[in-house]
Amino acid sequence: MTMDYVWDFSVIVQNYAVLLKGVGMTALLWSIAFPASMAIGLVIALGTGSRHRPPRLLGRAYVELFRNTPVMVQLIWFFYACPILTGIQLSPVSAALAGLILNASAYCSEIFRGGIASLPRGQWEGARALGMTSAQVLRRVVVPQVLVRMLPAFTNRGIELCKNTSIASVIAVQELMYQGRALSSVFYRPLEILSAVAVIYFVLIYPGSYLALQLEKRFALRRA
């Protein structure tokens, strides 16, 4: 029976605009969530590395909470539980962004923390001896150096976040996976449609992976 299956991709051609709409929403979610998660992750990393106990404990609690619960549960919680607790109904897109950002920022904070810890302590002390404030040390000395070391980890996190946007379909965010499932239920051609969705995800993600690999090679040559 399987060998007799006749592939028909005409449904993809006829409904490409629907899939493109999904691609646009996927790109929007990623373009907001990734930089936001990096910014929040840096703040959390500074908190967990603080000499003061309260921000250190709050930072660790944040990281453990969002790293050790599934991102799907987090998205659903923000969409369904938040209105019950606060009386504020988030839109599907807002709930998806909240879950994606908070989840990814917990991982980003650990990447930042590891990168910052890898820098010799003498560089901090030398920069402070020159009269730099802590913010200036981070901006001028620490971040420019550790970003190169953290590039592979951030690349993987960005790719993972792009794939995680597909989970937003469970709360009716009309991203790529949602549109693919909707077309499958209407035209009963899930094999062709979901195969096309998989190809689109690959096309979206692979250029970033390739570019990151080339950057890693370039930075490795500079350090050699």
N, C-alpha and C. Protein backbone atom coordinates (compact mmCIF):
# COMPACT_ATOMS: atom_id res chain seq x y z
N MET A 1 0.83 -1.20 0.00
CA MET A 1 0.00 0.00 0.00
C MET A 1 0.87 1.26 0.00
N THR A 2 1.95 1.23 0.79
CA THR A 2 2.81 2.39 0.90
C THR A 2 3.47 2.71 -0.43
N MET A 3 3.88 1.65 -1.17
CA MET A 3 4.57 1.85 -2.44
C MET A 3 3.63 2.43 -3.49
N ASP A 4 2.31 2.30 -3.30
CA ASP A 4 1.35 2.80 -4.27
C ASP A 4 0.99 4.26 -4.04
N TYR A 5 1.53 4.85 -3.00
CA TYR A 5 1.18 6.23 -2.68
C TYR A 5 1.67 7.17 -3.77
N VAL A 6 0.80 8.06 -4.21
CA VAL A 6 1.12 9.02 -5.26
C VAL A 6 1.30 10.40 -4.62
N TRP A 7 2.51 10.91 -4.71
CA TRP A 7 2.79 12.23 -4.15
C TRP A 7 2.12 13.30 -4.99
N ASP A 8 1.56 14.30 -4.32
CA ASP A 8 0.90 15.40 -5.02
C ASP A 8 1.23 16.71 -4.30
N PHE A 9 2.16 17.45 -4.86
CA PHE A 9 2.58 18.70 -4.23
C PHE A 9 1.83 19.92 -4.77
N SER A 10 0.80 19.67 -5.56
CA SER A 10 0.04 20.80 -6.11
C SER A 10 -0.61 21.62 -5.00
N VAL A 11 -0.97 20.95 -3.90
CA VAL A 11 -1.58 21.68 -2.79
C VAL A 11 -0.61 22.70 -2.20
N ILE A 12 0.69 22.41 -2.25
CA ILE A 12 1.70 23.34 -1.76
C ILE A 12 1.76 24.56 -2.67
N VAL A 13 1.75 24.30 -3.97
CA VAL A 13 1.83 25.39 -4.95
C VAL A 13 0.60 26.29 -4.84
N GLN A 14 -0.55 25.67 -4.68
CA GLN A 14 -1.81 26.43 -4.64
C GLN A 14 -1.97 27.23 -3.36
N ASN A 15 -1.31 26.80 -2.29
CA ASN A 15 -1.48 27.46 -0.99
C ASN A 15 -0.16 27.98 -0.42
N TYR A 16 0.77 28.33 -1.31
CA TYR A 16 2.08 28.80 -0.83
C TYR A 16 1.95 30.08 0.00
N ALA A 17 0.95 30.91 -0.31
CA ALA A 17 0.79 32.16 0.42
C ALA A 17 0.48 31.90 1.90
N VAL A 18 -0.25 30.83 2.17
CA VAL A 18 -0.57 30.48 3.56
C VAL A 18 0.71 30.09 4.31
N LEU A 19 1.55 29.30 3.66
CA LEU A 19 2.82 28.91 4.29
C LEU A 19 3.75 30.10 4.45
N LEU A 20 3.75 31.01 3.49
CA LEU A 20 4.59 32.20 3.61
C LEU A 20 4.14 33.07 4.78
N LYS A 21 2.84 33.12 5.00
CA LYS A 21 2.32 33.85 6.16
C LYS A 21 2.85 33.22 7.45
N GLY A 22 2.87 31.89 7.48
CA GLY A 22 3.42 31.20 8.63
C GLY A 22 4.89 31.46 8.82
N VAL A 23 5.64 31.52 7.71
CA VAL A 23 7.07 31.83 7.78
C VAL A 23 7.28 33.22 8.37
N GLY A 24 6.44 34.17 7.94
CA GLY A 24 6.55 35.53 8.47
C GLY A 24 6.35 35.58 9.97
N MET A 25 5.36 34.84 10.48
CA MET A 25 5.11 34.82 11.92
C MET A 25 6.26 34.13 12.67
N THR A 26 6.77 33.04 12.10
CA THR A 26 7.92 32.37 12.70
C THR A 26 9.11 33.31 12.80
N ALA A 27 9.38 34.04 11.72
CA ALA A 27 10.49 34.99 11.71
C ALA A 27 10.27 36.11 12.73
N LEU A 28 9.02 36.56 12.86
CA LEU A 28 8.72 37.62 13.82
C LEU A 28 8.97 37.14 15.25
N LEU A 29 8.49 35.94 15.57
CA LEU A 29 8.70 35.39 16.91
C LEU A 29 10.19 35.28 17.22
N TRP A 30 10.94 34.75 16.28
CA TRP A 30 12.38 34.55 16.50
C TRP A 30 13.11 35.87 16.62
N SER A 31 12.80 36.82 15.74
CA SER A 31 13.54 38.09 15.72
C SER A 31 13.30 38.91 16.99
N ILE A 32 12.17 38.70 17.65
CA ILE A 32 11.91 39.37 18.93
C ILE A 32 12.49 38.57 20.09
N ALA A 33 12.25 37.26 20.07
CA ALA A 33 12.59 36.42 21.22
C ALA A 33 14.10 36.26 21.40
N PHE A 34 14.85 36.14 20.32
CA PHE A 34 16.28 35.85 20.47
C PHE A 34 17.06 37.02 21.08
N PRO A 35 16.97 38.22 20.51
CA PRO A 35 17.71 39.32 21.16
C PRO A 35 17.21 39.63 22.57
N ALA A 36 15.90 39.49 22.79
CA ALA A 36 15.37 39.74 24.13
C ALA A 36 15.90 38.72 25.13
N SER A 37 15.96 37.47 24.72
CA SER A 37 16.45 36.43 25.63
C SER A 37 17.94 36.61 25.92
N MET A 38 18.70 37.10 24.95
CA MET A 38 20.12 37.36 25.20
C MET A 38 20.29 38.51 26.19
N ALA A 39 19.50 39.57 26.02
CA ALA A 39 19.60 40.72 26.92
C ALA A 39 19.21 40.33 28.35
N ILE A 40 18.10 39.62 28.48
CA ILE A 40 17.66 39.19 29.81
C ILE A 40 18.66 38.19 30.39
N GLY A 41 19.17 37.32 29.54
CA GLY A 41 20.14 36.32 29.99
C GLY A 41 21.39 36.97 30.56
N LEU A 42 21.85 38.07 29.95
CA LEU A 42 23.03 38.77 30.46
C LEU A 42 22.75 39.35 31.85
N VAL A 43 21.57 39.93 32.01
CA VAL A 43 21.20 40.49 33.32
C VAL A 43 21.14 39.39 34.38
N ILE A 44 20.53 38.26 34.04
CA ILE A 44 20.43 37.14 34.99
C ILE A 44 21.82 36.59 35.31
N ALA A 45 22.69 36.52 34.30
CA ALA A 45 24.05 36.02 34.54
C ALA A 45 24.81 36.93 35.49
N LEU A 46 24.62 38.23 35.35
CA LEU A 46 25.28 39.16 36.28
C LEU A 46 24.71 39.00 37.68
N GLY A 47 23.42 38.69 37.77
CA GLY A 47 22.82 38.47 39.07
C GLY A 47 23.36 37.21 39.74
N THR A 48 23.43 36.11 38.97
CA THR A 48 23.93 34.86 39.55
C THR A 48 25.40 34.93 39.91
N GLY A 49 26.13 35.84 39.25
CA GLY A 49 27.55 36.00 39.57
C GLY A 49 27.82 37.09 40.58
N SER A 50 26.76 37.66 41.13
CA SER A 50 26.92 38.75 42.10
C SER A 50 27.50 38.24 43.41
N ARG A 51 28.19 39.14 44.11
CA ARG A 51 28.71 38.80 45.44
C ARG A 51 27.60 38.85 46.49
N HIS A 52 26.50 39.47 46.14
CA HIS A 52 25.40 39.61 47.09
C HIS A 52 24.45 38.42 46.99
N ARG A 53 24.00 37.95 48.12
CA ARG A 53 23.20 36.73 48.16
C ARG A 53 21.82 36.84 47.50
N PRO A 54 21.04 37.90 47.73
CA PRO A 54 19.69 37.96 47.15
C PRO A 54 19.66 37.86 45.62
N PRO A 55 20.43 38.70 44.88
CA PRO A 55 20.38 38.56 43.42
C PRO A 55 20.93 37.22 42.94
N ARG A 56 21.88 36.67 43.68
CA ARG A 56 22.45 35.37 43.29
C ARG A 56 21.40 34.27 43.43
N LEU A 57 20.65 34.29 44.53
CA LEU A 57 19.62 33.28 44.75
C LEU A 57 18.46 33.45 43.77
N LEU A 58 18.06 34.70 43.52
CA LEU A 58 16.97 34.95 42.57
C LEU A 58 17.37 34.50 41.16
N GLY A 59 18.62 34.78 40.80
CA GLY A 59 19.10 34.37 39.48
C GLY A 59 19.11 32.87 39.32
N ARG A 60 19.59 32.15 40.34
CA ARG A 60 19.62 30.69 40.27
C ARG A 60 18.22 30.11 40.22
N ALA A 61 17.30 30.71 41.00
CA ALA A 61 15.91 30.22 41.00
C ALA A 61 15.28 30.41 39.63
N TYR A 62 15.54 31.55 39.01
CA TYR A 62 15.02 31.84 37.67
C TYR A 62 15.53 30.80 36.66
N VAL A 63 16.83 30.59 36.69
CA VAL A 63 17.43 29.65 35.73
C VAL A 63 16.88 28.24 35.92
N GLU A 64 16.83 27.78 37.16
CA GLU A 64 16.37 26.41 37.41
C GLU A 64 14.89 26.23 37.06
N LEU A 65 14.08 27.26 37.35
CA LEU A 65 12.65 27.17 37.04
C LEU A 65 12.41 27.02 35.55
N PHE A 66 13.03 27.88 34.75
CA PHE A 66 12.72 27.89 33.32
C PHE A 66 13.54 26.87 32.53
N ARG A 67 14.64 26.38 33.07
CA ARG A 67 15.38 25.32 32.39
C ARG A 67 14.79 23.95 32.65
N ASN A 68 14.13 23.78 33.78
CA ASN A 68 13.68 22.45 34.19
C ASN A 68 12.19 22.24 34.06
N THR A 69 11.52 23.11 33.31
CA THR A 69 10.12 22.88 32.94
C THR A 69 10.02 22.99 31.42
N PRO A 70 9.17 22.18 30.79
CA PRO A 70 9.08 22.19 29.32
C PRO A 70 8.58 23.53 28.80
N VAL A 71 9.14 23.95 27.66
CA VAL A 71 8.73 25.23 27.08
C VAL A 71 7.25 25.21 26.68
N MET A 72 6.73 24.04 26.28
CA MET A 72 5.32 23.96 25.93
C MET A 72 4.44 24.27 27.14
N VAL A 73 4.82 23.74 28.29
CA VAL A 73 4.07 24.01 29.51
C VAL A 73 4.10 25.50 29.83
N GLN A 74 5.25 26.13 29.63
CA GLN A 74 5.38 27.56 29.91
C GLN A 74 4.48 28.40 29.00
N LEU A 75 4.44 28.07 27.72
CA LEU A 75 3.58 28.80 26.79
C LEU A 75 2.11 28.64 27.17
N ILE A 76 1.72 27.42 27.45
CA ILE A 76 0.32 27.16 27.82
C ILE A 76 -0.02 27.85 29.13
N TRP A 77 0.93 27.86 30.08
CA TRP A 77 0.68 28.51 31.36
C TRP A 77 0.41 30.00 31.17
N PHE A 78 1.26 30.67 30.39
CA PHE A 78 1.07 32.10 30.19
C PHE A 78 -0.25 32.40 29.49
N PHE A 79 -0.68 31.52 28.61
CA PHE A 79 -1.91 31.78 27.85
C PHE A 79 -3.17 31.50 28.67
N TYR A 80 -3.15 30.38 29.44
CA TYR A 80 -4.36 29.97 30.14
C TYR A 80 -4.37 30.34 31.62
N ALA A 81 -3.22 30.29 32.30
CA ALA A 81 -3.19 30.52 33.74
C ALA A 81 -3.05 31.99 34.09
N CYS A 82 -2.31 32.74 33.26
CA CYS A 82 -2.09 34.15 33.56
C CYS A 82 -3.40 34.93 33.71
N PRO A 83 -4.41 34.73 32.85
CA PRO A 83 -5.67 35.47 33.03
C PRO A 83 -6.36 35.14 34.35
N ILE A 84 -6.24 33.90 34.81
CA ILE A 84 -6.89 33.50 36.06
C ILE A 84 -6.24 34.19 37.25
N LEU A 85 -4.90 34.30 37.21
CA LEU A 85 -4.16 34.86 38.33
C LEU A 85 -4.12 36.38 38.33
N THR A 86 -4.08 36.98 37.14
CA THR A 86 -3.90 38.44 37.05
C THR A 86 -5.09 39.18 36.46
N GLY A 87 -5.99 38.44 35.80
CA GLY A 87 -7.10 39.10 35.12
C GLY A 87 -6.72 39.69 33.79
N ILE A 88 -5.47 39.45 33.36
CA ILE A 88 -4.98 39.98 32.08
C ILE A 88 -4.90 38.85 31.07
N GLN A 89 -5.66 38.97 29.98
CA GLN A 89 -5.63 37.95 28.93
C GLN A 89 -4.58 38.31 27.89
N LEU A 90 -3.52 37.54 27.85
CA LEU A 90 -2.49 37.76 26.84
C LEU A 90 -2.97 37.23 25.50
N SER A 91 -2.58 37.90 24.44
CA SER A 91 -2.85 37.37 23.10
C SER A 91 -1.99 36.13 22.89
N PRO A 92 -2.36 35.27 21.94
CA PRO A 92 -1.51 34.09 21.67
C PRO A 92 -0.06 34.45 21.36
N VAL A 93 0.14 35.52 20.59
CA VAL A 93 1.51 35.91 20.24
C VAL A 93 2.27 36.39 21.48
N SER A 94 1.62 37.19 22.32
CA SER A 94 2.26 37.69 23.54
C SER A 94 2.60 36.54 24.48
N ALA A 95 1.69 35.59 24.63
CA ALA A 95 1.94 34.45 25.50
C ALA A 95 3.09 33.60 24.96
N ALA A 96 3.10 33.42 23.64
CA ALA A 96 4.19 32.65 23.03
C ALA A 96 5.53 33.33 23.24
N LEU A 97 5.57 34.65 23.03
CA LEU A 97 6.82 35.38 23.22
C LEU A 97 7.28 35.32 24.67
N ALA A 98 6.34 35.44 25.61
CA ALA A 98 6.72 35.38 27.03
C ALA A 98 7.36 34.04 27.35
N GLY A 99 6.74 32.95 26.91
CA GLY A 99 7.29 31.63 27.19
C GLY A 99 8.63 31.40 26.51
N LEU A 100 8.73 31.77 25.23
CA LEU A 100 9.96 31.55 24.48
C LEU A 100 11.11 32.38 25.05
N ILE A 101 10.85 33.64 25.38
CA ILE A 101 11.90 34.52 25.88
C ILE A 101 12.40 34.07 27.25
N LEU A 102 11.48 33.78 28.15
CA LEU A 102 11.89 33.40 29.50
C LEU A 102 12.63 32.06 29.49
N ASN A 103 12.17 31.12 28.67
CA ASN A 103 12.85 29.83 28.58
C ASN A 103 14.26 29.99 28.00
N ALA A 104 14.36 30.70 26.86
CA ALA A 104 15.65 30.85 26.20
C ALA A 104 16.61 31.69 27.04
N SER A 105 16.08 32.70 27.75
CA SER A 105 16.96 33.56 28.55
C SER A 105 17.63 32.80 29.67
N ALA A 106 16.96 31.78 30.20
CA ALA A 106 17.58 30.96 31.26
C ALA A 106 18.80 30.23 30.72
N TYR A 107 18.71 29.72 29.50
CA TYR A 107 19.86 29.04 28.89
C TYR A 107 20.94 30.06 28.51
N CYS A 108 20.51 31.22 27.98
CA CYS A 108 21.48 32.25 27.60
C CYS A 108 22.26 32.74 28.81
N SER A 109 21.60 32.83 29.96
CA SER A 109 22.29 33.30 31.16
C SER A 109 23.41 32.36 31.56
N GLU A 110 23.19 31.05 31.38
CA GLU A 110 24.24 30.09 31.70
C GLU A 110 25.40 30.18 30.71
N ILE A 111 25.07 30.48 29.45
CA ILE A 111 26.14 30.67 28.46
C ILE A 111 26.98 31.89 28.84
N PHE A 112 26.31 33.00 29.17
CA PHE A 112 27.03 34.20 29.59
C PHE A 112 27.85 33.95 30.85
N ARG A 113 27.26 33.26 31.82
CA ARG A 113 27.95 33.00 33.08
C ARG A 113 29.22 32.20 32.85
N GLY A 114 29.12 31.16 32.02
CA GLY A 114 30.31 30.36 31.72
C GLY A 114 31.36 31.15 30.96
N GLY A 115 30.91 31.99 30.01
CA GLY A 115 31.86 32.79 29.25
C GLY A 115 32.57 33.82 30.12
N ILE A 116 31.81 34.49 30.98
CA ILE A 116 32.41 35.49 31.86
C ILE A 116 33.38 34.84 32.83
N ALA A 117 33.01 33.67 33.35
CA ALA A 117 33.88 32.98 34.31
C ALA A 117 35.18 32.51 33.66
N SER A 118 35.15 32.31 32.33
CA SER A 118 36.36 31.83 31.65
C SER A 118 37.40 32.91 31.46
N LEU A 119 37.03 34.18 31.66
CA LEU A 119 37.97 35.27 31.48
C LEU A 119 38.87 35.39 32.72
N PRO A 120 40.18 35.47 32.55
CA PRO A 120 41.07 35.58 33.70
C PRO A 120 40.70 36.77 34.60
N ARG A 121 40.73 36.53 35.90
CA ARG A 121 40.34 37.57 36.85
C ARG A 121 41.24 38.79 36.76
N GLY A 122 42.46 38.57 36.30
CA GLY A 122 43.40 39.67 36.20
C GLY A 122 42.94 40.76 35.24
N GLN A 123 42.16 40.39 34.23
CA GLN A 123 41.68 41.39 33.28
C GLN A 123 40.66 42.32 33.93
N TRP A 124 39.82 41.74 34.79
CA TRP A 124 38.88 42.58 35.55
C TRP A 124 39.65 43.57 36.42
N GLU A 125 40.63 43.03 37.14
CA GLU A 125 41.38 43.87 38.08
C GLU A 125 42.20 44.93 37.34
N GLY A 126 42.76 44.56 36.19
CA GLY A 126 43.54 45.52 35.42
C GLY A 126 42.67 46.65 34.88
N ALA A 127 41.46 46.29 34.41
CA ALA A 127 40.55 47.31 33.88
C ALA A 127 40.09 48.26 34.99
N ARG A 128 39.83 47.70 36.16
CA ARG A 128 39.40 48.54 37.28
C ARG A 128 40.56 49.45 37.74
N ALA A 129 41.79 48.94 37.63
CA ALA A 129 42.94 49.75 38.01
C ALA A 129 43.11 50.96 37.09
N LEU A 130 42.59 50.83 35.87
CA LEU A 130 42.64 51.94 34.91
C LEU A 130 41.51 52.95 35.16
N GLY A 131 40.66 52.65 36.14
CA GLY A 131 39.59 53.58 36.48
C GLY A 131 38.25 53.28 35.85
N MET A 132 38.11 52.11 35.22
CA MET A 132 36.84 51.76 34.59
C MET A 132 35.82 51.34 35.65
N THR A 133 34.55 51.67 35.38
CA THR A 133 33.47 51.17 36.22
C THR A 133 33.15 49.74 35.81
N SER A 134 32.31 49.07 36.60
CA SER A 134 31.96 47.68 36.27
C SER A 134 31.27 47.59 34.92
N ALA A 135 30.39 48.57 34.62
CA ALA A 135 29.69 48.58 33.33
C ALA A 135 30.69 48.76 32.19
N GLN A 136 31.67 49.62 32.37
CA GLN A 136 32.68 49.84 31.33
C GLN A 136 33.56 48.61 31.13
N VAL A 137 33.87 47.93 32.23
CA VAL A 137 34.67 46.70 32.11
C VAL A 137 33.91 45.67 31.28
N LEU A 138 32.62 45.53 31.56
CA LEU A 138 31.81 44.58 30.80
C LEU A 138 31.77 44.96 29.33
N ARG A 139 31.50 46.23 29.05
CA ARG A 139 31.30 46.66 27.66
C ARG A 139 32.59 46.68 26.86
N ARG A 140 33.70 47.09 27.48
CA ARG A 140 34.93 47.28 26.73
C ARG A 140 35.89 46.09 26.78
N VAL A 141 35.83 45.33 27.85
CA VAL A 141 36.82 44.26 28.05
C VAL A 141 36.20 42.87 28.00
N VAL A 142 35.17 42.66 28.80
CA VAL A 142 34.65 41.30 28.97
C VAL A 142 33.84 40.83 27.78
N VAL A 143 32.76 41.56 27.46
CA VAL A 143 31.84 41.09 26.42
C VAL A 143 32.52 40.91 25.06
N PRO A 144 33.36 41.85 24.58
CA PRO A 144 34.01 41.64 23.27
C PRO A 144 34.83 40.36 23.20
N GLN A 145 35.44 39.95 24.33
CA GLN A 145 36.25 38.74 24.31
C GLN A 145 35.42 37.47 24.43
N VAL A 146 34.46 37.48 25.35
CA VAL A 146 33.73 36.24 25.61
C VAL A 146 32.70 35.94 24.53
N LEU A 147 32.25 36.96 23.78
CA LEU A 147 31.28 36.70 22.71
C LEU A 147 31.85 35.73 21.68
N VAL A 148 33.14 35.87 21.39
CA VAL A 148 33.78 34.97 20.44
C VAL A 148 33.74 33.54 20.97
N ARG A 149 34.02 33.36 22.25
CA ARG A 149 34.03 32.03 22.84
C ARG A 149 32.61 31.45 22.93
N MET A 150 31.64 32.33 23.11
CA MET A 150 30.27 31.86 23.30
C MET A 150 29.50 31.71 21.99
N LEU A 151 30.11 32.08 20.86
CA LEU A 151 29.41 32.06 19.58
C LEU A 151 28.80 30.70 19.24
N PRO A 152 29.54 29.57 19.40
CA PRO A 152 28.91 28.27 19.09
C PRO A 152 27.69 27.99 19.96
N ALA A 153 27.78 28.31 21.25
CA ALA A 153 26.66 28.04 22.15
C ALA A 153 25.46 28.92 21.81
N PHE A 154 25.69 30.19 21.49
CA PHE A 154 24.59 31.08 21.13
C PHE A 154 23.98 30.69 19.78
N THR A 155 24.82 30.19 18.88
CA THR A 155 24.30 29.71 17.60
C THR A 155 23.34 28.55 17.82
N ASN A 156 23.76 27.60 18.65
CA ASN A 156 22.88 26.46 18.95
C ASN A 156 21.60 26.91 19.64
N ARG A 157 21.71 27.89 20.53
CA ARG A 157 20.52 28.40 21.22
C ARG A 157 19.57 29.09 20.26
N GLY A 158 20.14 29.85 19.31
CA GLY A 158 19.30 30.51 18.30
C GLY A 158 18.58 29.51 17.42
N ILE A 159 19.28 28.45 17.03
CA ILE A 159 18.66 27.40 16.21
C ILE A 159 17.57 26.69 16.99
N GLU A 160 17.85 26.38 18.25
CA GLU A 160 16.86 25.72 19.09
C GLU A 160 15.63 26.60 19.28
N LEU A 161 15.84 27.89 19.44
CA LEU A 161 14.72 28.80 19.61
C LEU A 161 13.87 28.87 18.35
N CYS A 162 14.51 28.87 17.20
CA CYS A 162 13.76 28.88 15.94
C CYS A 162 12.88 27.65 15.83
N LYS A 163 13.41 26.51 16.22
CA LYS A 163 12.60 25.28 16.19
C LYS A 163 11.50 25.31 17.24
N ASN A 164 11.78 25.92 18.40
CA ASN A 164 10.78 25.98 19.46
C ASN A 164 9.59 26.86 19.10
N THR A 165 9.76 27.76 18.12
CA THR A 165 8.62 28.58 17.72
C THR A 165 7.47 27.73 17.20
N SER A 166 7.77 26.52 16.73
CA SER A 166 6.71 25.64 16.24
C SER A 166 5.75 25.23 17.35
N ILE A 167 6.22 25.27 18.61
CA ILE A 167 5.38 24.90 19.74
C ILE A 167 4.26 25.92 19.94
N ALA A 168 4.48 27.15 19.46
CA ALA A 168 3.46 28.19 19.61
C ALA A 168 2.16 27.83 18.90
N SER A 169 2.21 26.85 18.01
CA SER A 169 0.99 26.43 17.31
C SER A 169 -0.05 25.86 18.26
N VAL A 170 0.38 25.38 19.44
CA VAL A 170 -0.57 24.77 20.38
C VAL A 170 -1.48 25.81 21.01
N ILE A 171 -1.09 27.09 20.98
CA ILE A 171 -1.98 28.14 21.49
C ILE A 171 -2.47 29.04 20.34
N ALA A 172 -2.53 28.44 19.16
CA ALA A 172 -3.15 29.07 17.98
C ALA A 172 -2.38 30.27 17.43
N VAL A 173 -1.07 30.31 17.65
CA VAL A 173 -0.25 31.31 16.96
C VAL A 173 -0.04 30.81 15.54
N GLN A 174 -0.36 31.65 14.58
CA GLN A 174 -0.39 31.19 13.19
C GLN A 174 1.00 31.23 12.54
N GLU A 175 1.93 30.51 13.16
CA GLU A 175 3.26 30.40 12.58
C GLU A 175 3.29 29.24 11.59
N LEU A 176 4.49 28.86 11.16
CA LEU A 176 4.62 27.90 10.06
C LEU A 176 3.98 26.56 10.39
N MET A 177 4.25 26.01 11.57
CA MET A 177 3.69 24.71 11.92
C MET A 177 2.17 24.75 12.00
N TYR A 178 1.64 25.82 12.55
CA TYR A 178 0.17 25.97 12.64
C TYR A 178 -0.44 25.95 11.24
N GLN A 179 0.14 26.70 10.33
CA GLN A 179 -0.40 26.75 8.97
C GLN A 179 -0.28 25.40 8.27
N GLY A 180 0.82 24.70 8.52
CA GLY A 180 0.97 23.37 7.93
C GLY A 180 -0.08 22.40 8.43
N ARG A 181 -0.33 22.42 9.73
CA ARG A 181 -1.37 21.53 10.29
C ARG A 181 -2.74 21.92 9.79
N ALA A 182 -2.99 23.22 9.65
CA ALA A 182 -4.30 23.66 9.16
C ALA A 182 -4.53 23.19 7.72
N LEU A 183 -3.52 23.33 6.87
CA LEU A 183 -3.65 22.87 5.50
C LEU A 183 -3.82 21.36 5.43
N SER A 184 -3.11 20.64 6.30
CA SER A 184 -3.23 19.18 6.33
C SER A 184 -4.64 18.74 6.67
N SER A 185 -5.28 19.43 7.61
CA SER A 185 -6.64 19.06 8.01
C SER A 185 -7.67 19.40 6.96
N VAL A 186 -7.36 20.37 6.11
CA VAL A 186 -8.31 20.77 5.06
C VAL A 186 -8.17 19.91 3.81
N PHE A 187 -6.92 19.65 3.40
CA PHE A 187 -6.69 18.97 2.12
C PHE A 187 -6.32 17.49 2.27
N TYR A 188 -6.14 17.02 3.50
CA TYR A 188 -5.83 15.60 3.77
C TYR A 188 -4.59 15.13 3.01
N ARG A 189 -3.58 16.01 2.93
CA ARG A 189 -2.30 15.64 2.32
C ARG A 189 -1.18 15.95 3.33
N PRO A 190 -1.23 15.33 4.52
CA PRO A 190 -0.22 15.67 5.55
C PRO A 190 1.20 15.32 5.14
N LEU A 191 1.38 14.26 4.37
CA LEU A 191 2.73 13.84 4.01
C LEU A 191 3.42 14.92 3.19
N GLU A 192 2.74 15.42 2.17
CA GLU A 192 3.33 16.46 1.32
C GLU A 192 3.48 17.78 2.07
N ILE A 193 2.44 18.16 2.80
CA ILE A 193 2.45 19.47 3.45
C ILE A 193 3.48 19.53 4.57
N LEU A 194 3.51 18.50 5.43
CA LEU A 194 4.46 18.52 6.54
C LEU A 194 5.89 18.29 6.06
N SER A 195 6.05 17.59 4.94
CA SER A 195 7.39 17.48 4.35
C SER A 195 7.86 18.84 3.85
N ALA A 196 6.94 19.59 3.25
CA ALA A 196 7.28 20.94 2.79
C ALA A 196 7.61 21.84 3.97
N VAL A 197 6.88 21.70 5.07
CA VAL A 197 7.15 22.48 6.28
C VAL A 197 8.56 22.17 6.80
N ALA A 198 8.91 20.89 6.81
CA ALA A 198 10.24 20.50 7.27
C ALA A 198 11.33 21.10 6.39
N VAL A 199 11.12 21.10 5.08
CA VAL A 199 12.09 21.68 4.16
C VAL A 199 12.22 23.18 4.40
N ILE A 200 11.11 23.85 4.64
CA ILE A 200 11.15 25.29 4.89
C ILE A 200 11.93 25.59 6.16
N TYR A 201 11.71 24.81 7.21
CA TYR A 201 12.48 25.01 8.44
C TYR A 201 13.97 24.83 8.17
N PHE A 202 14.32 23.82 7.39
CA PHE A 202 15.73 23.59 7.06
C PHE A 202 16.31 24.78 6.31
N VAL A 203 15.55 25.30 5.34
CA VAL A 203 16.02 26.45 4.55
C VAL A 203 16.20 27.67 5.44
N LEU A 204 15.32 27.83 6.43
CA LEU A 204 15.41 28.96 7.34
C LEU A 204 16.62 28.86 8.27
N ILE A 205 16.89 27.66 8.74
CA ILE A 205 17.88 27.47 9.80
C ILE A 205 19.29 27.23 9.27
N TYR A 206 19.43 26.50 8.17
CA TYR A 206 20.76 26.10 7.71
C TYR A 206 21.68 27.28 7.38
N PRO A 207 21.21 28.36 6.72
CA PRO A 207 22.13 29.47 6.46
C PRO A 207 22.75 30.04 7.72
N GLY A 208 21.98 30.12 8.80
CA GLY A 208 22.53 30.60 10.06
C GLY A 208 23.60 29.67 10.60
N SER A 209 23.35 28.36 10.50
CA SER A 209 24.34 27.39 10.96
C SER A 209 25.63 27.48 10.14
N TYR A 210 25.48 27.64 8.83
CA TYR A 210 26.65 27.73 7.95
C TYR A 210 27.45 29.00 8.23
N LEU A 211 26.72 30.13 8.40
CA LEU A 211 27.40 31.39 8.68
C LEU A 211 28.14 31.32 10.01
N ALA A 212 27.52 30.74 11.02
CA ALA A 212 28.16 30.62 12.33
C ALA A 212 29.43 29.78 12.23
N LEU A 213 29.38 28.71 11.44
CA LEU A 213 30.56 27.85 11.28
C LEU A 213 31.70 28.62 10.63
N GLN A 214 31.38 29.44 9.62
CA GLN A 214 32.42 30.23 8.97
C GLN A 214 33.02 31.27 9.92
N LEU A 215 32.16 31.87 10.75
CA LEU A 215 32.66 32.84 11.73
C LEU A 215 33.57 32.18 12.75
N GLU A 216 33.18 30.98 13.19
CA GLU A 216 34.00 30.25 14.15
C GLU A 216 35.38 29.97 13.56
N LYS A 217 35.42 29.55 12.29
CA LYS A 217 36.70 29.27 11.64
C LYS A 217 37.54 30.53 11.54
N ARG A 218 36.91 31.65 11.22
CA ARG A 218 37.64 32.92 11.09
C ARG A 218 38.22 33.35 12.43
N PHE A 219 37.42 33.25 13.48
CA PHE A 219 37.92 33.63 14.80
C PHE A 219 39.03 32.68 15.26
N ALA A 220 38.91 31.41 14.90
CA ALA A 220 39.94 30.44 15.28
C ALA A 220 41.26 30.78 14.59
N LEU A 221 41.20 31.21 13.33
CA LEU A 221 42.41 31.59 12.61
C LEU A 221 43.05 32.83 13.22
N ARG A 222 42.21 33.76 13.69
CA ARG A 222 42.76 34.99 14.30
C ARG A 222 43.47 34.68 15.61
N ARG A 223 42.95 33.69 16.34
CA ARG A 223 43.57 33.35 17.62
C ARG A 223 44.82 32.51 17.46
N ALA A 224 44.95 31.86 16.29
CA ALA A 224 46.10 30.95 16.06
C ALA A 224 47.40 31.74 15.94
